[in-house]
Amino acid sequence: MLNNLYLYNGGTGKLHIAGCCQYAGRGGGLQKFNSEEEALSTLGHPFIMCKICQKKRDKLIKEQTII
């Protein structure tokens, strides 16, 4: 299992997936989480998923279901 795969940027209110977009590692004070569920429970409020990261995640999931 990968640790700290999800990165939350409190400044933008967006959740990123490490390595999926150029914005994932930018900005100080990123909170790190192992899952979207962990981020939601820790933050205590809904977040916005980065659109770039979300598209890449959905594409990978779709490719896995085809195989």
N, C-alpha and C. Protein backbone atom coordinates (compact mmCIF):
# COMPACT_ATOMS: atom_id res chain seq x y z
N MET A 1 0.84 -1.19 0.00
CA MET A 1 0.00 0.00 0.00
C MET A 1 0.88 1.24 0.00
N LEU A 2 0.51 2.20 -0.78
CA LEU A 2 1.26 3.45 -0.85
C LEU A 2 0.82 4.38 0.28
N ASN A 3 1.80 4.97 0.93
CA ASN A 3 1.51 5.92 2.00
C ASN A 3 1.52 7.34 1.47
N ASN A 4 0.66 8.15 2.03
CA ASN A 4 0.59 9.58 1.70
C ASN A 4 0.41 9.82 0.21
N LEU A 5 -0.48 9.08 -0.39
CA LEU A 5 -0.75 9.19 -1.81
C LEU A 5 -1.56 10.45 -2.13
N TYR A 6 -2.40 10.87 -1.20
CA TYR A 6 -3.26 12.03 -1.42
C TYR A 6 -2.71 13.24 -0.68
N LEU A 7 -2.69 14.38 -1.37
CA LEU A 7 -2.15 15.62 -0.82
C LEU A 7 -3.23 16.70 -0.86
N TYR A 8 -3.52 17.27 0.29
CA TYR A 8 -4.54 18.31 0.38
C TYR A 8 -3.87 19.67 0.51
N ASN A 9 -4.22 20.58 -0.38
CA ASN A 9 -3.71 21.95 -0.33
C ASN A 9 -4.80 22.81 0.28
N GLY A 10 -4.58 23.23 1.52
CA GLY A 10 -5.56 24.04 2.23
C GLY A 10 -5.78 25.40 1.60
N GLY A 11 -4.76 25.92 0.91
CA GLY A 11 -4.89 27.22 0.26
C GLY A 11 -5.90 27.22 -0.88
N THR A 12 -5.92 26.13 -1.62
CA THR A 12 -6.85 26.02 -2.75
C THR A 12 -8.06 25.18 -2.42
N GLY A 13 -7.96 24.37 -1.35
CA GLY A 13 -9.06 23.49 -0.98
C GLY A 13 -9.17 22.27 -1.88
N LYS A 14 -8.06 21.93 -2.57
CA LYS A 14 -8.09 20.81 -3.51
C LYS A 14 -7.26 19.64 -3.01
N LEU A 15 -7.77 18.45 -3.32
CA LEU A 15 -7.08 17.21 -3.01
C LEU A 15 -6.42 16.71 -4.29
N HIS A 16 -5.12 16.43 -4.19
CA HIS A 16 -4.35 15.95 -5.34
C HIS A 16 -3.89 14.52 -5.08
N ILE A 17 -3.53 13.84 -6.15
CA ILE A 17 -2.93 12.52 -6.05
C ILE A 17 -1.46 12.69 -6.43
N ALA A 18 -0.58 12.24 -5.55
CA ALA A 18 0.85 12.42 -5.76
C ALA A 18 1.27 11.88 -7.13
N GLY A 19 1.97 12.72 -7.89
CA GLY A 19 2.49 12.32 -9.18
C GLY A 19 1.54 12.44 -10.35
N CYS A 20 0.31 12.86 -10.12
CA CYS A 20 -0.67 12.94 -11.21
C CYS A 20 -0.67 14.28 -11.94
N CYS A 21 -0.26 15.33 -11.27
CA CYS A 21 -0.26 16.63 -11.94
C CYS A 21 0.88 17.49 -11.41
N GLN A 22 1.16 18.56 -12.12
CA GLN A 22 2.25 19.44 -11.74
C GLN A 22 1.95 20.24 -10.48
N TYR A 23 0.72 20.27 -10.06
CA TYR A 23 0.33 21.06 -8.89
C TYR A 23 0.36 20.24 -7.60
N ALA A 24 0.51 18.95 -7.71
CA ALA A 24 0.42 18.08 -6.54
C ALA A 24 1.48 18.37 -5.48
N GLY A 25 2.66 18.74 -5.88
CA GLY A 25 3.73 18.96 -4.93
C GLY A 25 3.99 20.41 -4.61
N ARG A 26 3.21 21.31 -5.15
CA ARG A 26 3.44 22.74 -4.95
C ARG A 26 2.75 23.24 -3.69
N GLY A 27 3.33 24.27 -3.15
CA GLY A 27 2.72 24.92 -2.00
C GLY A 27 3.17 24.29 -0.70
N GLY A 28 3.35 25.11 0.28
CA GLY A 28 3.75 24.60 1.58
C GLY A 28 2.54 24.18 2.39
N GLY A 29 2.78 23.42 3.40
CA GLY A 29 1.72 23.02 4.30
C GLY A 29 0.72 22.05 3.73
N LEU A 30 1.17 21.18 2.84
CA LEU A 30 0.28 20.17 2.29
C LEU A 30 0.02 19.10 3.35
N GLN A 31 -1.23 18.73 3.50
CA GLN A 31 -1.58 17.64 4.40
C GLN A 31 -1.59 16.36 3.59
N LYS A 32 -1.04 15.30 4.16
CA LYS A 32 -0.91 14.04 3.45
C LYS A 32 -1.86 13.00 4.03
N PHE A 33 -2.48 12.24 3.12
CA PHE A 33 -3.43 11.21 3.50
C PHE A 33 -3.20 9.95 2.68
N ASN A 34 -3.66 8.82 3.23
CA ASN A 34 -3.54 7.54 2.53
C ASN A 34 -4.74 7.23 1.65
N SER A 35 -5.86 7.93 1.84
CA SER A 35 -7.06 7.68 1.04
C SER A 35 -7.94 8.92 1.03
N GLU A 36 -8.89 8.93 0.12
CA GLU A 36 -9.86 10.03 0.07
C GLU A 36 -10.73 10.01 1.32
N GLU A 37 -11.06 8.81 1.78
CA GLU A 37 -11.90 8.67 2.97
C GLU A 37 -11.19 9.23 4.20
N GLU A 38 -9.89 8.97 4.31
CA GLU A 38 -9.11 9.50 5.44
C GLU A 38 -9.08 11.03 5.39
N ALA A 39 -8.91 11.58 4.20
CA ALA A 39 -8.89 13.05 4.05
C ALA A 39 -10.23 13.63 4.49
N LEU A 40 -11.32 13.03 4.08
CA LEU A 40 -12.65 13.53 4.43
C LEU A 40 -12.88 13.46 5.94
N SER A 41 -12.52 12.35 6.55
CA SER A 41 -12.76 12.21 7.98
C SER A 41 -11.85 13.13 8.81
N THR A 42 -10.64 13.33 8.37
CA THR A 42 -9.71 14.19 9.10
C THR A 42 -10.06 15.66 8.92
N LEU A 43 -10.35 16.06 7.70
CA LEU A 43 -10.64 17.46 7.42
C LEU A 43 -12.00 17.87 7.99
N GLY A 44 -12.93 16.95 7.99
CA GLY A 44 -14.25 17.24 8.54
C GLY A 44 -15.14 18.04 7.62
N HIS A 45 -14.71 18.23 6.38
CA HIS A 45 -15.54 18.94 5.40
C HIS A 45 -15.21 18.42 4.01
N PRO A 46 -16.14 18.53 3.09
CA PRO A 46 -15.88 18.08 1.72
C PRO A 46 -14.76 18.91 1.08
N PHE A 47 -14.08 18.32 0.14
CA PHE A 47 -13.01 18.99 -0.57
C PHE A 47 -13.27 18.88 -2.06
N ILE A 48 -12.52 19.63 -2.82
CA ILE A 48 -12.61 19.58 -4.28
C ILE A 48 -11.46 18.71 -4.77
N MET A 49 -11.77 17.74 -5.59
CA MET A 49 -10.72 16.91 -6.17
C MET A 49 -10.14 17.64 -7.37
N CYS A 50 -8.83 17.69 -7.48
CA CYS A 50 -8.17 18.31 -8.62
C CYS A 50 -8.68 17.64 -9.90
N LYS A 51 -9.11 18.41 -10.88
CA LYS A 51 -9.68 17.85 -12.10
C LYS A 51 -8.66 17.04 -12.90
N ILE A 52 -7.41 17.49 -12.91
CA ILE A 52 -6.37 16.75 -13.64
C ILE A 52 -6.14 15.40 -12.99
N CYS A 53 -6.00 15.40 -11.67
CA CYS A 53 -5.78 14.15 -10.93
C CYS A 53 -6.97 13.22 -11.07
N GLN A 54 -8.17 13.78 -11.00
CA GLN A 54 -9.38 12.97 -11.10
C GLN A 54 -9.48 12.29 -12.46
N LYS A 55 -9.15 13.02 -13.54
CA LYS A 55 -9.20 12.42 -14.88
C LYS A 55 -8.21 11.29 -15.02
N LYS A 56 -6.99 11.48 -14.50
CA LYS A 56 -5.98 10.43 -14.58
C LYS A 56 -6.39 9.22 -13.76
N ARG A 57 -6.94 9.45 -12.57
CA ARG A 57 -7.41 8.36 -11.71
C ARG A 57 -8.51 7.57 -12.42
N ASP A 58 -9.49 8.27 -12.97
CA ASP A 58 -10.59 7.61 -13.66
C ASP A 58 -10.11 6.82 -14.87
N LYS A 59 -9.13 7.36 -15.59
CA LYS A 59 -8.58 6.67 -16.74
C LYS A 59 -7.89 5.37 -16.31
N LEU A 60 -7.11 5.43 -15.22
CA LEU A 60 -6.44 4.22 -14.73
C LEU A 60 -7.44 3.17 -14.26
N ILE A 61 -8.49 3.60 -13.60
CA ILE A 61 -9.52 2.67 -13.15
C ILE A 61 -10.20 2.01 -14.34
N LYS A 62 -10.50 2.80 -15.35
CA LYS A 62 -11.15 2.26 -16.55
C LYS A 62 -10.24 1.24 -17.24
N GLU A 63 -8.95 1.56 -17.33
CA GLU A 63 -8.02 0.63 -17.96
C GLU A 63 -7.92 -0.67 -17.17
N GLN A 64 -7.98 -0.61 -15.86
CA GLN A 64 -7.89 -1.80 -15.02
C GLN A 64 -9.13 -2.68 -15.18
N THR A 65 -10.28 -2.08 -15.39
CA THR A 65 -11.50 -2.87 -15.52
C THR A 65 -11.60 -3.52 -16.90
N ILE A 66 -10.90 -2.98 -17.87
CA ILE A 66 -10.92 -3.55 -19.23
C ILE A 66 -10.07 -4.81 -19.28
N ILE A 67 -9.00 -4.83 -18.54
CA ILE A 67 -8.04 -5.95 -18.59
C ILE A 67 -8.61 -7.17 -17.96
